[in-house]
Every structure is written in structure tokens, then in C-alpha cells.
Amino acid sequence: MKEGGFISADEFKQASVAPLKLTEQPTEARQQAYFVDMVKAQLLAQFTERDLLSKGYRVYTTLDLDLQQAASEGSSAGLIELDRQVKKGRDRKKQSPPDTGLPQVAMVALDPGTGDVKALVGGRGYNQSQLNHVLARRQPGSSFKPFVYAAALNSGVDGSLPLITPATVLPDEPTTFEFSNRSYAPRDYGEDYHGSVTVRAALTFSLNVPAVHLAEMVGYDKVRDLAVRAGFNNQLEATPAIALGAYVATPLEVAGAYTIFANHGEYVAPRCIVAVVDAKGNTVWDNPVSSRRVLDSRVSYLMVSLLESVINNGTGAGVRSRGFRLPAAGKTGTSHDGWFAGFTTSLLAVAWVGYDDDRDLNITGSQSALPLWTEFMKRSSGFSLYKSPLPFNRPEGIETAEIDNLTNLVAVADPALTHSEVFIAGTEPFVPVQEAPAGIALGPLIQPDVTLGGMGSLLQADKTVLTTSAQGHKVYINTGALFSAGPSRASSPPAPTPPAAP
């Protein structure tokens, strides 16, 4: 530099005697190492190490450096708050000797339309641990519940029974579920029960007992099958515990699975490599977008509506109170760990925190993972591609009805005592009538001995039994009365099953 005239003789002299120091890597650079490891692993599945080192391949990846910086900074900001909570909990317990270990972190952000991994945080820092926690298998807790609800709402398009809508009423009380000669007794977080709740309220406030009731009504096998089609591993078991996210999955799996909500019912497989090109410019490996239809777009829209309620009014309301205002939908999750999965129309992200030894974090997902997700999304909204996401698209075949708050029937009284609800066309409730409309038989509140046609549904609404034999008729299940299916029975107190908190 002196010979080139870029520095003076005095500057040359000072630089010659100055000690050598390593430059501190920025946080985002340290986090990129986890992404690079994922890329290497995928390349080695396609090419020999010798070819990778000798043939001058150019690898085109999906990483967005702006979003990577936002993810690194957002996770660091969220961890400051998390570490403060962990320390406060230890001080309160007065642990001796004090436990100095801190929980780990993971975050993955996808383009929900292509599955492209845009940003990835694999841990607190690559220099501390090279384990990529985005690929660690842990219980997702309540962040799995949307797949139970999606399987249930699918009844609105496939003709299966019972028909479930967002206004269907579910029991919320201590219950023991019998399955394969075994008992399962979930508990709501904080043992706070509400007697009966709608499907929307049950998911908004992440109530455990209604979720298991719903899985039992739909069939545990249907819940499992949908989850596997959505990208979860096939080791999930069709048992009551599946409803509360008791079977392990990776944050990357969860992120991929949530694309069925953010992408109009289509699953898009996560990818971090687009293509590999040789020195002559020839594509030697193309890795196209891989997708498949899992949900009808109408069912996907209902799920987006429910998950918007989680963020706007429920266990995910911390997203709004922390200043993220863009249209978004998501779900909290708590097992031993903390989870938050959420999305806009242009960006989907999953945040996870937990201990490597799988001990209990003892902090809910809304307190632990949600702040990391929110800090990332707030930063990402500063970039042009993500600052103005489109509103969630409402497909054809969705109806809105004003529903009476008390009966969950179509409102006919005071508008102040009603709320709007969305339905797949043909499943919205009808106005109560004294005389039966075509295809509907009215009778006293008894269990009639009726053999019905292809549809074959039995509905209870206050003091009326409604039945139909016409498939496609506008029928509505659980119009204000509880629906009970299967061998579950009330039990108090429940067995000491660890709760899956919101």
C-alpha cells in the first residue's frame, strides 16, 4: 500500500509495528455458517466431495442476506429478554449451585410460495455449538394444533361427518379419553376451563381439552394423515396425544407444514439450493420448487382466519403489543420448549427456544419464542419486498354470517349481541324455523332412530333435533349444544398428564 501511494511513510511505520488482531465476525456471518452446513449436506447427497472441490461448481442458494441480518438481530434481541426471564426464574427458585446454562434458539424463514429458506438461525452462535437446532427434533406442543383443526374443517368440503365449522361448539371440561385400553387425561393450561367453547375460541386461546375432543371426533388417523401430507415425519402416531403436539418434529418441518396455510392449501417443500452450475455455465443440478395440494383453498382460508384471531386476540396477542402491525396469522406452542409459527402473505417464520438436554424451559411459547419471531418480522418489514404484504386472499365459496353470541345460530335479534363468522358456502347455519325446510325433520330433543342417506347427520340445537339426508344441504352441526362422540367420559380430577401450554 505504501508502494502504491495509498498510505504515507508514517502510516506504514505505525502499521508495521502494530499487533495483529482477528476481526470480530458480525452475528449474521456466524449464523450463516449453519446455513452453509445445510447446503454442504445437500450437495454431498448429490455430488462426490472430490467433484465439489475440483470442478469449480457455482452453487446458487436461496439465502437473503438482508433477511439473514434481520433474523440474527431479531433473535439476539429476543434472547436478551429470554435470558432475563430465565435468570429471574432461577433467582426465584434460589437454585444451588446456580445453573448457568442458557437455552438455545432456532429460527427459519421461508418464502411461503416457493419454500426458499431466506434466513436461518441455528443456535446462539456457531462458535458455541455447531448443532443446527433448525434440524433438532423436539415436541412442537400447541403449534401442531392447527393441523387438528384443518383436518376437522376439511369436513366442509369432503362430505365427512361430523361437519365442523369455526362456530361448532366443543366441550371444555376435565375429561379422560379412552384409547386402545389406555386413558389420556389432558389439562387446559392453568386448569382454567370454560364449559363449552366454539372452534374459533378453542384455537384462539389454545385450549387443550377441546383440541383432543376435536381430534377424537375427526379421527386421530385423519389428523396424522393430513400432518404427514403437510410435511411432518411419518413417525407421528394416531393417538390422542397427537392433538397436543406430543410427537417430535424439527422447526424446519413445522415451517414447511405451515405453508399449507400461507400458500392457499399447497405444501411447498423447504429448499436452500436453487441450482448448481459448472464452470462452463451448464446446469448440473436443478432443484425446482416441489409442491403438492394438501387442503382445499377454502379450508386453508378458514384456518388463516382462525390463526389471525390467535395473533389479534389470543395467545399470540404479544405480536401486536410488541408493535408488529402487518396482516399476519400464527400460533404459539409450549412443550418443554417454546415455539411460535407465523406468517404474512410474503414471509413465513418459525421460532424455537429450548435446552439441549430437553429439560423444561418453564416459560410459555408466547413469552419465549414469540418475542424472537416478532423482532425478526418487525425488522423484515423494513425491506421493500416485505413491508407491504397483500391481505390474505379470500377464495370463492366462502360466506360470512352474523351469528348470535348465545346460540351460535344465524342472528335474528339485537345486532349488538352478534359476531361475524366465516363458513365454507353450504355449511353456514340457517335461521331457526318452526316448520321444517326441505330435507329437514324437526322433533323433540331425543335420540331418534333414523337411518339417513349419504350424508346422515344428527344435529342438536337447544330443544330441537335436526336431521338431513340430502348431501350438500345447508346444515350446521352443533348450533349451540355440545356434540359428543366416542368413548370419552368426564373425570375429576384428571390424571397427572403434563399440560401442553399455549
Protein backbone atom coordinates (compact mmCIF):
# COMPACT_ATOMS: atom_id res chain seq x y z
CA MET A 1 0.00 0.00 0.00
CA LYS A 2 2.99 2.29 0.65
CA GLU A 3 4.48 1.46 -2.75
CA GLY A 4 1.16 2.14 -4.39
CA GLY A 5 0.87 5.50 -2.68
CA PHE A 6 -2.20 4.60 -0.65
CA ILE A 7 -0.52 5.27 2.74
CA SER A 8 2.24 7.58 3.91
CA ALA A 9 5.65 6.55 5.30
CA ASP A 10 4.45 7.34 8.86
CA GLU A 11 1.31 5.23 8.40
CA PHE A 12 3.46 2.41 7.03
CA LYS A 13 5.73 2.58 10.08
CA GLN A 14 2.81 2.52 12.54
CA ALA A 15 1.16 -0.39 10.74
CA SER A 16 4.39 -2.38 10.66
CA VAL A 17 4.72 -2.42 14.46
CA ALA A 18 1.01 -2.77 15.30
CA PRO A 19 -0.02 -6.19 16.75
CA LEU A 20 -2.11 -8.46 14.54
CA LYS A 21 -5.73 -8.99 15.67
CA LEU A 22 -8.57 -11.09 14.34
CA THR A 23 -11.58 -9.09 13.20
CA GLU A 24 -14.77 -10.00 15.09
CA GLN A 25 -17.25 -11.68 12.76
CA PRO A 26 -20.64 -9.99 12.66
CA THR A 27 -23.51 -12.00 14.15
CA GLU A 28 -25.15 -12.67 10.80
CA ALA A 29 -21.90 -14.11 9.42
CA ARG A 30 -21.66 -16.52 12.35
CA GLN A 31 -25.26 -17.58 11.76
CA GLN A 32 -24.69 -18.11 8.04
CA ALA A 33 -22.36 -20.98 8.96
CA TYR A 34 -25.43 -23.07 9.91
CA PHE A 35 -26.96 -22.40 6.50
CA VAL A 36 -23.67 -23.26 4.79
CA ASP A 37 -23.59 -26.58 6.64
CA MET A 38 -27.10 -27.38 5.34
CA VAL A 39 -26.02 -26.53 1.81
CA LYS A 40 -22.93 -28.74 2.12
CA ALA A 41 -25.01 -31.67 3.37
CA GLN A 42 -27.41 -31.38 0.42
CA LEU A 43 -24.57 -31.07 -2.07
CA LEU A 44 -22.85 -34.16 -0.71
CA ALA A 45 -26.09 -36.07 -1.27
CA GLN A 46 -25.87 -35.18 -4.98
CA PHE A 47 -22.12 -34.99 -5.73
CA THR A 48 -18.88 -36.55 -4.55
CA GLU A 49 -16.66 -34.41 -2.35
CA ARG A 50 -13.93 -34.71 -4.99
CA ASP A 51 -16.16 -33.20 -7.68
CA LEU A 52 -17.25 -30.39 -5.38
CA LEU A 53 -13.64 -29.46 -4.66
CA SER A 54 -12.23 -29.85 -8.16
CA LYS A 55 -14.81 -28.90 -10.76
CA GLY A 56 -15.42 -25.26 -9.95
CA TYR A 57 -19.15 -25.56 -9.42
CA ARG A 58 -21.16 -22.44 -8.66
CA VAL A 59 -23.94 -23.04 -6.16
CA TYR A 60 -26.98 -20.77 -6.24
CA THR A 61 -28.74 -20.67 -2.86
CA THR A 62 -31.94 -19.13 -1.51
CA LEU A 63 -30.41 -17.07 1.30
CA ASP A 64 -31.48 -13.40 1.51
CA LEU A 65 -28.66 -11.50 3.24
CA ASP A 66 -30.95 -8.69 4.38
CA LEU A 67 -33.35 -11.16 6.00
CA GLN A 68 -30.43 -13.10 7.44
CA GLN A 69 -29.25 -9.97 9.20
CA ALA A 70 -32.80 -9.28 10.41
CA ALA A 71 -33.07 -12.85 11.76
CA SER A 72 -29.71 -12.64 13.53
CA GLU A 73 -30.50 -9.27 15.09
CA GLY A 74 -34.07 -10.27 15.94
CA SER A 75 -33.03 -13.48 17.66
CA SER A 76 -30.32 -11.63 19.61
CA ALA A 77 -32.85 -9.03 20.77
CA GLY A 78 -35.34 -11.71 21.76
CA LEU A 79 -32.69 -13.68 23.62
CA ILE A 80 -31.88 -10.69 25.82
CA GLU A 81 -35.45 -10.78 27.12
CA LEU A 82 -35.48 -14.58 27.36
CA ASP A 83 -32.24 -14.70 29.33
CA ARG A 84 -33.64 -12.11 31.72
CA GLN A 85 -36.71 -14.30 32.30
CA VAL A 86 -34.58 -17.41 32.81
CA LYS A 87 -32.38 -15.62 35.35
CA LYS A 88 -35.42 -14.26 37.17
CA GLY A 89 -36.87 -17.79 37.40
CA ARG A 90 -33.61 -19.18 38.79
CA ASP A 91 -33.32 -16.37 41.34
CA ARG A 92 -36.88 -17.05 42.44
CA LYS A 93 -36.13 -20.76 42.92
CA LYS A 94 -32.78 -19.96 44.61
CA GLN A 95 -31.08 -22.85 42.86
CA SER A 96 -27.92 -24.12 44.50
CA PRO A 97 -25.47 -24.49 42.90
CA PRO A 98 -26.74 -21.92 40.37
CA ASP A 99 -27.43 -23.26 36.88
CA THR A 100 -25.54 -21.14 34.37
CA GLY A 101 -26.67 -22.97 31.21
CA LEU A 102 -28.77 -20.92 28.83
CA PRO A 103 -31.46 -22.15 26.43
CA GLN A 104 -30.68 -22.49 22.74
CA VAL A 105 -32.51 -20.85 19.86
CA ALA A 106 -33.55 -21.60 16.28
CA MET A 107 -35.35 -19.64 13.62
CA VAL A 108 -36.10 -20.37 9.98
CA ALA A 109 -37.80 -18.05 7.50
CA LEU A 110 -39.31 -19.22 4.20
CA ASP A 111 -40.91 -17.74 1.15
CA PRO A 112 -44.31 -19.45 1.55
CA GLY A 113 -44.82 -19.65 -2.21
CA THR A 114 -41.53 -21.32 -3.13
CA GLY A 115 -40.27 -22.87 0.10
CA ASP A 116 -37.00 -20.94 -0.29
CA VAL A 117 -35.13 -20.68 3.01
CA LYS A 118 -34.49 -16.95 3.23
CA ALA A 119 -32.90 -16.80 6.67
CA LEU A 120 -31.76 -19.30 9.28
CA VAL A 121 -30.60 -19.06 12.87
CA GLY A 122 -29.25 -22.40 14.05
CA GLY A 123 -28.24 -21.54 17.61
CA ARG A 124 -26.82 -18.85 19.85
CA GLY A 125 -23.63 -18.87 17.83
CA TYR A 126 -21.68 -21.27 15.63
CA ASN A 127 -18.59 -20.78 17.80
CA GLN A 128 -20.56 -22.05 20.82
CA SER A 129 -22.29 -25.02 19.19
CA GLN A 130 -22.27 -26.35 15.64
CA LEU A 131 -25.54 -28.22 16.22
CA ASN A 132 -28.11 -26.73 13.85
CA HIS A 133 -31.21 -26.54 16.04
CA VAL A 134 -33.42 -25.91 13.00
CA LEU A 135 -32.90 -29.65 12.38
CA ALA A 136 -33.35 -30.76 16.01
CA ARG A 137 -36.37 -32.99 16.70
CA ARG A 138 -38.49 -31.65 19.55
CA GLN A 139 -42.15 -31.71 20.61
CA PRO A 140 -43.95 -28.82 18.87
CA GLY A 141 -46.69 -28.60 21.50
CA SER A 142 -49.66 -26.43 20.61
CA SER A 143 -48.02 -25.17 17.42
CA PHE A 144 -49.23 -28.51 16.00
CA LYS A 145 -52.91 -27.85 16.87
CA PRO A 146 -53.75 -26.08 13.58
CA PHE A 147 -53.38 -29.40 11.79
CA VAL A 148 -56.06 -30.91 14.03
CA TYR A 149 -58.38 -28.03 13.20
CA ALA A 150 -57.57 -28.22 9.48
CA ALA A 151 -58.46 -31.92 9.43
CA ALA A 152 -61.74 -31.08 11.13
CA LEU A 153 -62.69 -28.16 8.87
CA ASN A 154 -61.95 -30.34 5.86
CA SER A 155 -65.34 -31.94 6.56
CA GLY A 156 -66.84 -28.87 4.91
CA VAL A 157 -65.55 -29.99 1.51
CA ASP A 158 -65.20 -33.77 1.64
CA GLY A 159 -68.66 -34.59 2.99
CA SER A 160 -67.35 -36.44 6.05
CA LEU A 161 -69.11 -36.37 9.40
CA PRO A 162 -69.34 -34.73 11.77
CA LEU A 163 -69.41 -31.45 9.89
CA ILE A 164 -67.17 -28.92 11.66
CA THR A 165 -67.19 -25.14 11.17
CA PRO A 166 -65.47 -22.31 13.06
CA ALA A 167 -68.69 -21.88 15.07
CA THR A 168 -69.01 -25.54 16.13
CA VAL A 169 -69.20 -25.83 19.91
CA LEU A 170 -66.77 -28.10 21.77
CA PRO A 171 -66.73 -29.24 25.42
CA ASP A 172 -64.08 -27.70 27.65
CA GLU A 173 -64.04 -29.52 30.97
CA PRO A 174 -61.79 -32.11 32.66
CA THR A 175 -62.11 -35.23 30.51
CA THR A 176 -60.49 -38.63 30.29
CA PHE A 177 -60.20 -40.05 26.78
CA GLU A 178 -60.10 -43.81 26.31
CA PHE A 179 -57.93 -45.16 23.51
CA SER A 180 -56.59 -48.68 22.93
CA ASN A 181 -57.46 -49.68 26.51
CA ARG A 182 -55.48 -46.73 27.86
CA SER A 183 -56.59 -43.45 29.41
CA TYR A 184 -55.43 -39.99 28.40
CA ALA A 185 -56.34 -37.01 30.59
CA PRO A 186 -55.12 -33.69 29.15
CA ARG A 187 -55.47 -30.48 31.11
CA ASP A 188 -56.00 -26.92 29.99
CA TYR A 189 -53.14 -24.58 30.83
CA GLY A 190 -53.61 -23.30 34.38
CA GLU A 191 -56.55 -25.72 34.86
CA ASP A 192 -58.82 -22.97 33.54
CA TYR A 193 -61.93 -24.49 31.92
CA HIS A 194 -64.84 -22.75 30.19
CA GLY A 195 -67.55 -25.41 29.95
CA SER A 196 -68.08 -25.05 26.22
CA VAL A 197 -66.33 -23.02 23.51
CA THR A 198 -66.51 -22.55 19.77
CA VAL A 199 -63.83 -23.94 17.48
CA ARG A 200 -62.53 -20.40 16.95
CA ALA A 201 -62.26 -19.67 20.67
CA ALA A 202 -60.64 -23.05 21.37
CA LEU A 203 -57.79 -22.36 18.93
CA THR A 204 -57.54 -18.65 19.72
CA PHE A 205 -56.85 -19.41 23.38
CA SER A 206 -55.08 -22.73 22.74
CA LEU A 207 -57.36 -24.86 24.93
CA ASN A 208 -56.15 -28.43 25.22
CA VAL A 209 -59.26 -30.46 26.07
CA PRO A 210 -61.35 -29.12 23.14
CA ALA A 211 -58.44 -29.89 20.78
CA VAL A 212 -58.40 -33.54 21.85
CA HIS A 213 -62.21 -33.72 21.62
CA LEU A 214 -61.94 -32.39 18.07
CA ALA A 215 -59.24 -34.90 17.12
CA GLU A 216 -61.38 -37.71 18.54
CA MET A 217 -64.42 -36.53 16.56
CA VAL A 218 -62.47 -36.29 13.31
CA GLY A 219 -60.36 -39.40 13.86
CA TYR A 220 -56.76 -39.45 15.03
CA ASP A 221 -55.74 -41.21 11.82
CA LYS A 222 -57.12 -38.35 9.71
CA VAL A 223 -55.15 -35.83 11.76
CA ARG A 224 -51.98 -37.86 11.31
CA ASP A 225 -52.51 -38.37 7.58
CA LEU A 226 -53.01 -34.66 6.96
CA ALA A 227 -49.94 -33.75 9.02
CA VAL A 228 -47.74 -36.21 7.11
CA ARG A 229 -49.03 -34.88 3.78
CA ALA A 230 -48.13 -31.41 5.09
CA GLY A 231 -44.51 -32.44 5.57
CA PHE A 232 -44.30 -33.83 9.10
CA ASN A 233 -42.31 -37.03 9.55
CA ASN A 234 -44.21 -40.31 9.32
CA GLN A 235 -43.31 -41.31 12.87
CA LEU A 236 -46.35 -39.42 14.17
CA GLU A 237 -48.80 -41.76 15.87
CA ALA A 238 -52.59 -41.63 15.59
CA THR A 239 -53.34 -41.28 19.31
CA PRO A 240 -55.00 -38.59 21.46
CA ALA A 241 -51.56 -37.14 22.26
CA ILE A 242 -51.11 -36.12 18.62
CA ALA A 243 -53.65 -33.33 19.16
CA LEU A 244 -51.29 -31.57 21.59
CA GLY A 245 -48.10 -31.93 19.57
CA ALA A 246 -46.58 -34.72 21.65
CA TYR A 247 -44.62 -36.29 18.75
CA VAL A 248 -41.33 -34.77 17.69
CA ALA A 249 -40.67 -32.61 14.63
CA THR A 250 -37.98 -30.15 13.58
CA PRO A 251 -38.52 -26.38 13.25
CA LEU A 252 -37.82 -26.82 9.53
CA GLU A 253 -40.62 -29.43 9.29
CA VAL A 254 -43.01 -27.14 11.13
CA ALA A 255 -42.13 -24.24 8.83
CA GLY A 256 -42.72 -26.37 5.75
CA ALA A 257 -46.01 -27.68 7.13
CA TYR A 258 -47.34 -24.16 7.76
CA THR A 259 -47.06 -23.41 4.03
CA ILE A 260 -50.39 -25.19 3.59
CA PHE A 261 -52.00 -22.27 5.42
CA ALA A 262 -49.88 -19.46 3.94
CA ASN A 263 -49.98 -20.88 0.39
CA HIS A 264 -53.71 -21.49 -0.18
CA GLY A 265 -53.62 -25.17 0.79
CA GLU A 266 -50.48 -26.21 -1.10
CA TYR A 267 -47.48 -27.67 0.70
CA VAL A 268 -44.14 -26.37 -0.56
CA ALA A 269 -41.02 -28.27 0.49
CA PRO A 270 -38.30 -26.08 2.06
CA ARG A 271 -35.19 -25.74 -0.10
CA CYS A 272 -31.89 -23.92 0.33
CA ILE A 273 -30.32 -24.63 -3.10
CA VAL A 274 -31.82 -23.46 -6.39
CA ALA A 275 -29.27 -24.88 -8.82
CA VAL A 276 -25.64 -25.94 -9.31
CA VAL A 277 -23.80 -24.74 -12.43
CA ASP A 278 -20.43 -25.92 -13.73
CA ALA A 279 -17.53 -23.76 -14.90
CA LYS A 280 -18.96 -23.63 -18.46
CA GLY A 281 -22.35 -22.38 -17.27
CA ASN A 282 -24.17 -25.67 -17.67
CA THR A 283 -26.71 -26.60 -15.01
CA VAL A 284 -25.56 -29.86 -13.48
CA TRP A 285 -28.29 -30.00 -10.83
CA ASP A 286 -31.60 -28.21 -10.85
CA ASN A 287 -33.64 -28.15 -7.64
CA PRO A 288 -37.09 -26.90 -8.67
CA VAL A 289 -39.91 -25.89 -6.34
CA SER A 290 -41.63 -29.02 -5.02
CA SER A 291 -45.28 -28.66 -4.05
CA ARG A 292 -48.47 -30.66 -3.62
CA ARG A 293 -52.07 -29.89 -2.78
CA VAL A 294 -52.97 -30.78 0.82
CA LEU A 295 -56.00 -28.60 1.62
CA ASP A 296 -58.80 -27.07 -0.39
CA SER A 297 -58.14 -23.31 -0.60
CA ARG A 298 -61.41 -22.67 1.27
CA VAL A 299 -60.29 -24.76 4.23
CA SER A 300 -56.92 -23.02 4.15
CA TYR A 301 -58.70 -19.65 4.27
CA LEU A 302 -60.75 -20.68 7.31
CA MET A 303 -57.52 -21.71 9.04
CA VAL A 304 -55.88 -18.37 8.21
CA SER A 305 -58.89 -16.62 9.71
CA LEU A 306 -58.62 -18.67 12.91
CA LEU A 307 -54.86 -18.08 13.14
CA GLU A 308 -55.37 -14.35 12.65
CA SER A 309 -57.56 -14.46 15.77
CA VAL A 310 -54.68 -16.06 17.68
CA ILE A 311 -52.47 -13.04 16.94
CA ASN A 312 -55.14 -10.37 17.21
CA ASN A 313 -56.98 -11.59 20.31
CA GLY A 314 -55.46 -14.77 21.72
CA THR A 315 -52.26 -16.34 22.98
CA GLY A 316 -50.29 -14.61 20.22
CA ALA A 317 -51.52 -11.10 21.05
CA GLY A 318 -47.99 -10.21 22.18
CA VAL A 319 -47.15 -9.83 18.48
CA ARG A 320 -49.42 -6.79 18.34
CA SER A 321 -48.47 -5.35 21.71
CA ARG A 322 -44.80 -5.50 20.63
CA GLY A 323 -45.51 -3.35 17.61
CA PHE A 324 -45.91 -5.66 14.60
CA ARG A 325 -48.98 -4.36 12.76
CA LEU A 326 -48.97 -6.03 9.35
CA PRO A 327 -51.69 -8.61 8.50
CA ALA A 328 -50.42 -11.86 10.00
CA ALA A 329 -51.54 -15.23 11.31
CA GLY A 330 -49.78 -17.62 13.68
CA LYS A 331 -49.77 -20.00 16.61
CA THR A 332 -47.94 -20.31 19.91
CA GLY A 333 -46.64 -23.63 21.21
CA THR A 334 -45.29 -24.88 24.51
CA SER A 335 -43.90 -28.30 25.35
CA HIS A 336 -40.63 -28.48 27.27
CA ASP A 337 -39.70 -25.76 24.80
CA GLY A 338 -41.21 -22.59 23.41
CA TRP A 339 -42.47 -22.20 19.82
CA PHE A 340 -44.05 -19.60 17.61
CA ALA A 341 -45.02 -20.18 13.98
CA GLY A 342 -46.50 -17.36 11.95
CA PHE A 343 -46.72 -15.79 8.52
CA THR A 344 -47.77 -12.94 6.29
CA THR A 345 -48.60 -13.45 2.62
CA SER A 346 -44.93 -12.90 1.73
CA LEU A 347 -42.94 -14.39 4.61
CA LEU A 348 -43.29 -17.40 6.95
CA ALA A 349 -41.11 -17.93 10.02
CA VAL A 350 -40.84 -20.38 12.90
CA ALA A 351 -39.00 -19.56 16.13
CA TRP A 352 -37.97 -22.14 18.77
CA VAL A 353 -36.18 -21.93 22.12
CA GLY A 354 -35.24 -24.75 24.49
CA TYR A 355 -32.46 -26.59 26.30
CA ASP A 356 -30.25 -29.10 24.54
CA ASP A 357 -30.82 -31.62 27.33
CA ASP A 358 -34.62 -31.34 26.85
CA ARG A 359 -35.32 -30.10 30.36
CA ASP A 360 -38.37 -27.92 30.83
CA LEU A 361 -37.97 -24.28 29.88
CA ASN A 362 -40.90 -23.43 32.19
CA ILE A 363 -41.77 -20.44 30.02
CA THR A 364 -44.66 -20.43 27.54
CA GLY A 365 -44.14 -20.03 23.82
CA SER A 366 -45.86 -16.65 23.95
CA GLN A 367 -43.24 -15.47 26.47
CA SER A 368 -40.18 -17.16 24.96
CA ALA A 369 -40.35 -17.73 21.18
CA LEU A 370 -42.92 -15.10 20.22
CA PRO A 371 -40.60 -12.15 21.04
CA LEU A 372 -37.89 -13.56 18.74
CA TRP A 373 -40.39 -14.04 15.90
CA THR A 374 -41.80 -10.55 16.38
CA GLU A 375 -38.39 -8.87 16.47
CA PHE A 376 -37.47 -10.59 13.23
CA MET A 377 -40.73 -9.73 11.47
CA LYS A 378 -40.53 -6.09 12.55
CA ARG A 379 -37.05 -5.84 11.05
CA SER A 380 -38.04 -7.68 7.88
CA SER A 381 -40.87 -5.21 7.28
CA GLY A 382 -38.21 -2.56 6.69
CA PHE A 383 -37.28 -4.19 3.37
CA SER A 384 -39.21 -3.38 0.21
CA LEU A 385 -40.18 -6.99 -0.56
CA TYR A 386 -41.78 -7.49 2.85
CA LYS A 387 -43.04 -4.10 4.04
CA SER A 388 -46.42 -4.26 2.29
CA PRO A 389 -47.69 -7.85 2.19
CA LEU A 390 -51.01 -8.35 0.45
CA PRO A 391 -54.08 -9.10 2.58
CA PHE A 392 -54.94 -12.78 2.82
CA ASN A 393 -56.90 -13.68 -0.29
CA ARG A 394 -60.49 -14.83 0.21
CA PRO A 395 -61.30 -17.56 -2.34
CA GLU A 396 -64.64 -18.17 -3.99
CA GLY A 397 -67.01 -20.28 -1.93
CA ILE A 398 -66.63 -18.51 1.43
CA GLU A 399 -69.67 -17.00 3.13
CA THR A 400 -69.89 -14.63 6.10
CA ALA A 401 -72.82 -14.86 8.50
CA GLU A 402 -73.83 -12.81 11.52
CA ILE A 403 -74.06 -15.26 14.42
CA ASP A 404 -75.90 -14.89 17.69
CA ASN A 405 -73.38 -14.87 20.55
CA LEU A 406 -75.52 -17.14 22.70
CA THR A 407 -76.94 -19.76 20.35
CA ASN A 408 -74.33 -19.75 17.56
CA LEU A 409 -77.25 -19.68 15.11
CA VAL A 410 -77.80 -17.02 12.46
CA ALA A 411 -78.62 -13.82 14.30
CA VAL A 412 -82.24 -12.71 14.31
CA ALA A 413 -82.15 -10.37 17.31
CA ASP A 414 -80.06 -7.49 18.67
CA PRO A 415 -77.05 -6.81 16.38
CA ALA A 416 -75.08 -5.79 19.46
CA LEU A 417 -75.19 -9.43 20.61
CA THR A 418 -73.82 -10.89 17.40
CA HIS A 419 -70.48 -11.52 15.73
CA SER A 420 -69.40 -12.30 12.18
CA GLU A 421 -68.11 -15.75 11.28
CA VAL A 422 -66.81 -17.26 8.06
CA PHE A 423 -68.02 -20.54 6.56
CA ILE A 424 -67.49 -22.66 3.51
CA ALA A 425 -70.56 -21.98 1.39
CA GLY A 426 -73.20 -24.56 2.17
CA THR A 427 -72.13 -25.10 5.78
CA GLU A 428 -73.29 -21.78 7.22
CA PRO A 429 -76.10 -22.05 9.81
CA PHE A 430 -79.67 -21.24 8.89
CA VAL A 431 -82.27 -19.13 10.64
CA PRO A 432 -84.25 -21.23 13.20
CA VAL A 433 -87.74 -22.05 11.92
CA GLN A 434 -90.82 -23.65 13.41
CA GLU A 435 -91.65 -25.66 10.30
CA ALA A 436 -89.06 -27.86 8.68
CA PRO A 437 -87.48 -26.65 5.43
CA ALA A 438 -86.99 -29.16 2.63
CA GLY A 439 -84.84 -32.05 3.75
CA ILE A 440 -85.02 -31.16 7.47
CA ALA A 441 -87.06 -33.01 10.08
CA LEU A 442 -87.73 -31.37 13.44
CA GLY A 443 -88.55 -33.21 16.63
CA PRO A 444 -88.05 -33.24 20.40
CA LEU A 445 -84.59 -33.40 21.98
CA ILE A 446 -84.26 -37.17 21.91
CA GLN A 447 -82.01 -39.54 20.04
CA PRO A 448 -84.30 -40.65 17.20
CA ASP A 449 -83.82 -43.94 15.46
CA VAL A 450 -83.20 -42.54 12.00
CA THR A 451 -81.32 -44.06 9.12
CA LEU A 452 -80.22 -41.20 6.92
CA GLY A 453 -78.93 -41.11 3.38
CA GLY A 454 -75.45 -40.42 2.06
CA MET A 455 -74.91 -37.53 4.46
CA GLY A 456 -76.52 -38.92 7.59
CA SER A 457 -76.05 -36.24 10.26
CA LEU A 458 -77.66 -35.73 13.64
CA LEU A 459 -77.68 -32.17 14.93
CA GLN A 460 -78.73 -30.86 18.31
CA ALA A 461 -79.75 -27.24 18.84
CA ASP A 462 -81.21 -26.36 22.23
CA LYS A 463 -84.54 -28.27 22.24
CA THR A 464 -84.53 -29.36 18.62
CA VAL A 465 -83.05 -32.28 16.74
CA LEU A 466 -82.20 -31.51 13.13
CA THR A 467 -81.52 -34.24 10.59
CA THR A 468 -80.86 -34.25 6.89
CA SER A 469 -80.48 -36.86 4.19
CA ALA A 470 -79.54 -34.50 1.38
CA GLN A 471 -75.83 -34.13 0.83
CA GLY A 472 -74.90 -30.51 0.18
CA HIS A 473 -77.94 -29.13 2.05
CA LYS A 474 -77.11 -26.14 4.24
CA VAL A 475 -76.81 -27.96 7.53
CA TYR A 476 -74.93 -26.85 10.60
CA ILE A 477 -73.62 -29.09 13.33
CA ASN A 478 -73.52 -28.01 16.99
CA THR A 479 -75.78 -24.99 16.74
CA GLY A 480 -75.38 -24.13 20.39
CA ALA A 481 -75.34 -27.56 22.03
CA LEU A 482 -72.39 -29.76 22.80
CA PHE A 483 -71.50 -32.55 20.42
CA SER A 484 -70.10 -35.69 21.99
CA ALA A 485 -68.63 -38.55 20.02
CA GLY A 486 -66.61 -41.55 21.08
CA PRO A 487 -65.94 -43.15 24.44
CA SER A 488 -64.63 -40.12 26.34
CA ARG A 489 -66.02 -39.55 29.79
CA ALA A 490 -65.86 -36.78 32.35
CA SER A 491 -63.34 -37.35 35.08
CA SER A 492 -62.29 -35.23 38.04
CA PRO A 493 -59.54 -34.77 38.88
CA PRO A 494 -57.69 -35.69 35.64
CA ALA A 495 -54.64 -37.90 35.61
CA PRO A 496 -51.36 -36.02 36.09
CA THR A 497 -50.59 -35.54 32.40
CA PRO A 498 -48.10 -32.73 31.68
CA PRO A 499 -50.06 -29.86 30.13
CA ALA A 500 -49.19 -28.53 26.70
CA ALA A 501 -49.46 -24.82 27.40
CA PRO A 502 -50.40 -22.16 24.85
